[in-house]
Amino acid sequence: MTSTVDLAALQIDDFTPHQDAEFEMQAADHVVALKLAKVEPAGNSGRPGGAFSLLFAGPKGAWLPQAIYSVRHPALGMMEIFLVPIGPVADGNGYQAIFT
């Protein structure tokens, strides 16, 4: 079993160097390649370093529903992230995660 990263410990600076990098999202029966298209601050919160938003671009085609997905990156490890489809983006289907 693969251990997952503690989401409460992640900060915007953990993701900023990986903008435009590929992440792998585990869907029900296949792996989906996601590109981290944008990393943005999302205001103040009780979270150390503040809230932030991640925008991922997935392949064009059928949308995956909003859900918690296992997302893997070679440097960051495995994360269980709630992703919400937000509409088309330049490179495909957009999915957003907000850390508050």
C-alpha atoms as a PDB file:
ATOM      1  CA  MET A   1       0.000   0.000   0.000  1.00  0.00           C
ATOM      2  CA  THR A   2       1.315   3.456  -0.898  1.00  0.00           C
ATOM      3  CA  SER A   3       1.219   6.077   1.841  1.00  0.00           C
ATOM      4  CA  THR A   4      -0.260   9.451   1.048  1.00  0.00           C
ATOM      5  CA  VAL A   5       0.989  12.944   1.773  1.00  0.00           C
ATOM      6  CA  ASP A   6      -0.594  14.844   4.679  1.00  0.00           C
ATOM      7  CA  LEU A   7      -2.610  17.510   2.828  1.00  0.00           C
ATOM      8  CA  ALA A   8      -2.605  19.788   5.882  1.00  0.00           C
ATOM      9  CA  ALA A   9       1.187  20.019   5.629  1.00  0.00           C
ATOM     10  CA  LEU A  10       1.210  21.107   1.970  1.00  0.00           C
ATOM     11  CA  GLN A  11       1.708  24.765   1.089  1.00  0.00           C
ATOM     12  CA  ILE A  12       1.596  26.721  -2.151  1.00  0.00           C
ATOM     13  CA  ASP A  13       5.405  26.670  -2.317  1.00  0.00           C
ATOM     14  CA  ASP A  14       5.314  22.867  -2.539  1.00  0.00           C
ATOM     15  CA  PHE A  15       3.444  23.106  -5.866  1.00  0.00           C
ATOM     16  CA  THR A  16       4.836  26.276  -7.482  1.00  0.00           C
ATOM     17  CA  PRO A  17       8.053  24.607  -8.764  1.00  0.00           C
ATOM     18  CA  HIS A  18       5.906  21.910 -10.406  1.00  0.00           C
ATOM     19  CA  GLN A  19       3.703  24.195 -12.505  1.00  0.00           C
ATOM     20  CA  ASP A  20       3.469  22.705 -16.030  1.00  0.00           C
ATOM     21  CA  ALA A  21       4.567  19.303 -14.675  1.00  0.00           C
ATOM     22  CA  GLU A  22       2.632  16.103 -15.213  1.00  0.00           C
ATOM     23  CA  PHE A  23       0.671  14.439 -12.430  1.00  0.00           C
ATOM     24  CA  GLU A  24      -1.158  11.103 -12.613  1.00  0.00           C
ATOM     25  CA  MET A  25      -4.753  10.838 -11.421  1.00  0.00           C
ATOM     26  CA  GLN A  26      -6.209   7.412 -10.708  1.00  0.00           C
ATOM     27  CA  ALA A  27      -9.731   7.240 -12.110  1.00  0.00           C
ATOM     28  CA  ALA A  28     -11.978   4.221 -11.503  1.00  0.00           C
ATOM     29  CA  ASP A  29     -10.429   2.024 -14.185  1.00  0.00           C
ATOM     30  CA  HIS A  30      -7.534   3.978 -15.690  1.00  0.00           C
ATOM     31  CA  VAL A  31      -4.846   6.562 -15.040  1.00  0.00           C
ATOM     32  CA  VAL A  32      -5.364  10.089 -16.380  1.00  0.00           C
ATOM     33  CA  ALA A  33      -2.429  12.402 -17.115  1.00  0.00           C
ATOM     34  CA  LEU A  34      -2.948  15.884 -15.681  1.00  0.00           C
ATOM     35  CA  LYS A  35      -0.801  18.967 -16.232  1.00  0.00           C
ATOM     36  CA  LEU A  36      -0.563  21.425 -13.359  1.00  0.00           C
ATOM     37  CA  ALA A  37      -1.591  24.501 -15.344  1.00  0.00           C
ATOM     38  CA  LYS A  38      -1.822  27.129 -12.588  1.00  0.00           C
ATOM     39  CA  VAL A  39      -0.943  27.596  -8.919  1.00  0.00           C
ATOM     40  CA  GLU A  40      -2.569  30.625  -7.260  1.00  0.00           C
ATOM     41  CA  PRO A  41      -2.944  32.016  -3.751  1.00  0.00           C
ATOM     42  CA  ALA A  42      -6.566  31.993  -2.580  1.00  0.00           C
ATOM     43  CA  GLY A  43      -6.526  34.375   0.373  1.00  0.00           C
ATOM     44  CA  ASN A  44      -5.987  34.058   4.070  1.00  0.00           C
ATOM     45  CA  SER A  45      -7.108  31.040   6.012  1.00  0.00           C
ATOM     46  CA  GLY A  46      -6.157  29.131   9.118  1.00  0.00           C
ATOM     47  CA  ARG A  47      -3.791  27.128   6.928  1.00  0.00           C
ATOM     48  CA  PRO A  48      -0.069  27.878   7.382  1.00  0.00           C
ATOM     49  CA  GLY A  49       1.002  29.859   4.332  1.00  0.00           C
ATOM     50  CA  GLY A  50      -2.605  30.673   3.391  1.00  0.00           C
ATOM     51  CA  ALA A  51      -5.146  29.069   1.098  1.00  0.00           C
ATOM     52  CA  PHE A  52      -4.284  28.226  -2.496  1.00  0.00           C
ATOM     53  CA  SER A  53      -5.787  26.843  -5.670  1.00  0.00           C
ATOM     54  CA  LEU A  54      -4.446  24.324  -8.176  1.00  0.00           C
ATOM     55  CA  LEU A  55      -5.761  24.176 -11.733  1.00  0.00           C
ATOM     56  CA  PHE A  56      -5.070  20.974 -13.640  1.00  0.00           C
ATOM     57  CA  ALA A  57      -5.600  20.367 -17.349  1.00  0.00           C
ATOM     58  CA  GLY A  58      -6.647  16.864 -18.316  1.00  0.00           C
ATOM     59  CA  PRO A  59      -7.233  15.372 -21.736  1.00  0.00           C
ATOM     60  CA  LYS A  60     -10.186  16.497 -23.821  1.00  0.00           C
ATOM     61  CA  GLY A  61     -13.106  14.119 -23.863  1.00  0.00           C
ATOM     62  CA  ALA A  62     -15.464  12.788 -21.241  1.00  0.00           C
ATOM     63  CA  TRP A  63     -15.436  14.662 -17.933  1.00  0.00           C
ATOM     64  CA  LEU A  64     -14.705  12.888 -14.700  1.00  0.00           C
ATOM     65  CA  PRO A  65     -17.099  13.734 -11.852  1.00  0.00           C
ATOM     66  CA  GLN A  66     -16.045  15.742  -8.830  1.00  0.00           C
ATOM     67  CA  ALA A  67     -14.579  13.331  -6.326  1.00  0.00           C
ATOM     68  CA  ILE A  68     -11.556  12.532  -4.218  1.00  0.00           C
ATOM     69  CA  TYR A  69      -8.871  11.102  -6.490  1.00  0.00           C
ATOM     70  CA  SER A  70      -5.449   9.657  -5.829  1.00  0.00           C
ATOM     71  CA  VAL A  71      -3.005  12.003  -7.566  1.00  0.00           C
ATOM     72  CA  ARG A  72       0.684  11.167  -7.861  1.00  0.00           C
ATOM     73  CA  HIS A  73       3.730  13.270  -8.654  1.00  0.00           C
ATOM     74  CA  PRO A  74       7.300  11.883  -8.595  1.00  0.00           C
ATOM     75  CA  ALA A  75       8.606  14.578  -6.210  1.00  0.00           C
ATOM     76  CA  LEU A  76       5.487  15.228  -4.115  1.00  0.00           C
ATOM     77  CA  GLY A  77       4.237  11.655  -3.754  1.00  0.00           C
ATOM     78  CA  MET A  78       0.666  10.376  -3.570  1.00  0.00           C
ATOM     79  CA  MET A  79      -2.102  12.749  -2.506  1.00  0.00           C
ATOM     80  CA  GLU A  80      -5.829  12.200  -2.035  1.00  0.00           C
ATOM     81  CA  ILE A  81      -7.266  15.397  -3.548  1.00  0.00           C
ATOM     82  CA  PHE A  82     -10.858  16.541  -4.048  1.00  0.00           C
ATOM     83  CA  LEU A  83     -10.998  17.635  -7.696  1.00  0.00           C
ATOM     84  CA  VAL A  84     -13.870  19.549  -9.284  1.00  0.00           C
ATOM     85  CA  PRO A  85     -14.377  19.813 -13.053  1.00  0.00           C
ATOM     86  CA  ILE A  86     -14.474  23.523 -13.924  1.00  0.00           C
ATOM     87  CA  GLY A  87     -14.896  23.546 -17.696  1.00  0.00           C
ATOM     88  CA  PRO A  88     -12.674  23.630 -20.743  1.00  0.00           C
ATOM     89  CA  VAL A  89      -9.161  25.039 -20.510  1.00  0.00           C
ATOM     90  CA  ALA A  90      -6.764  25.655 -23.380  1.00  0.00           C
ATOM     91  CA  ASP A  91      -5.175  22.223 -23.067  1.00  0.00           C
ATOM     92  CA  GLY A  92      -8.298  20.156 -22.362  1.00  0.00           C
ATOM     93  CA  ASN A  93     -10.658  19.610 -19.443  1.00  0.00           C
ATOM     94  CA  GLY A  94     -10.007  21.724 -16.340  1.00  0.00           C
ATOM     95  CA  TYR A  95     -10.063  20.385 -12.793  1.00  0.00           C
ATOM     96  CA  GLN A  96      -9.540  22.484  -9.669  1.00  0.00           C
ATOM     97  CA  ALA A  97      -8.441  21.722  -6.127  1.00  0.00           C
ATOM     98  CA  ILE A  98      -8.650  24.359  -3.395  1.00  0.00           C
ATOM     99  CA  PHE A  99      -6.658  24.045  -0.175  1.00  0.00           C
ATOM    100  CA  THR A 100      -8.130  26.120   2.674  1.00  0.00           C
END
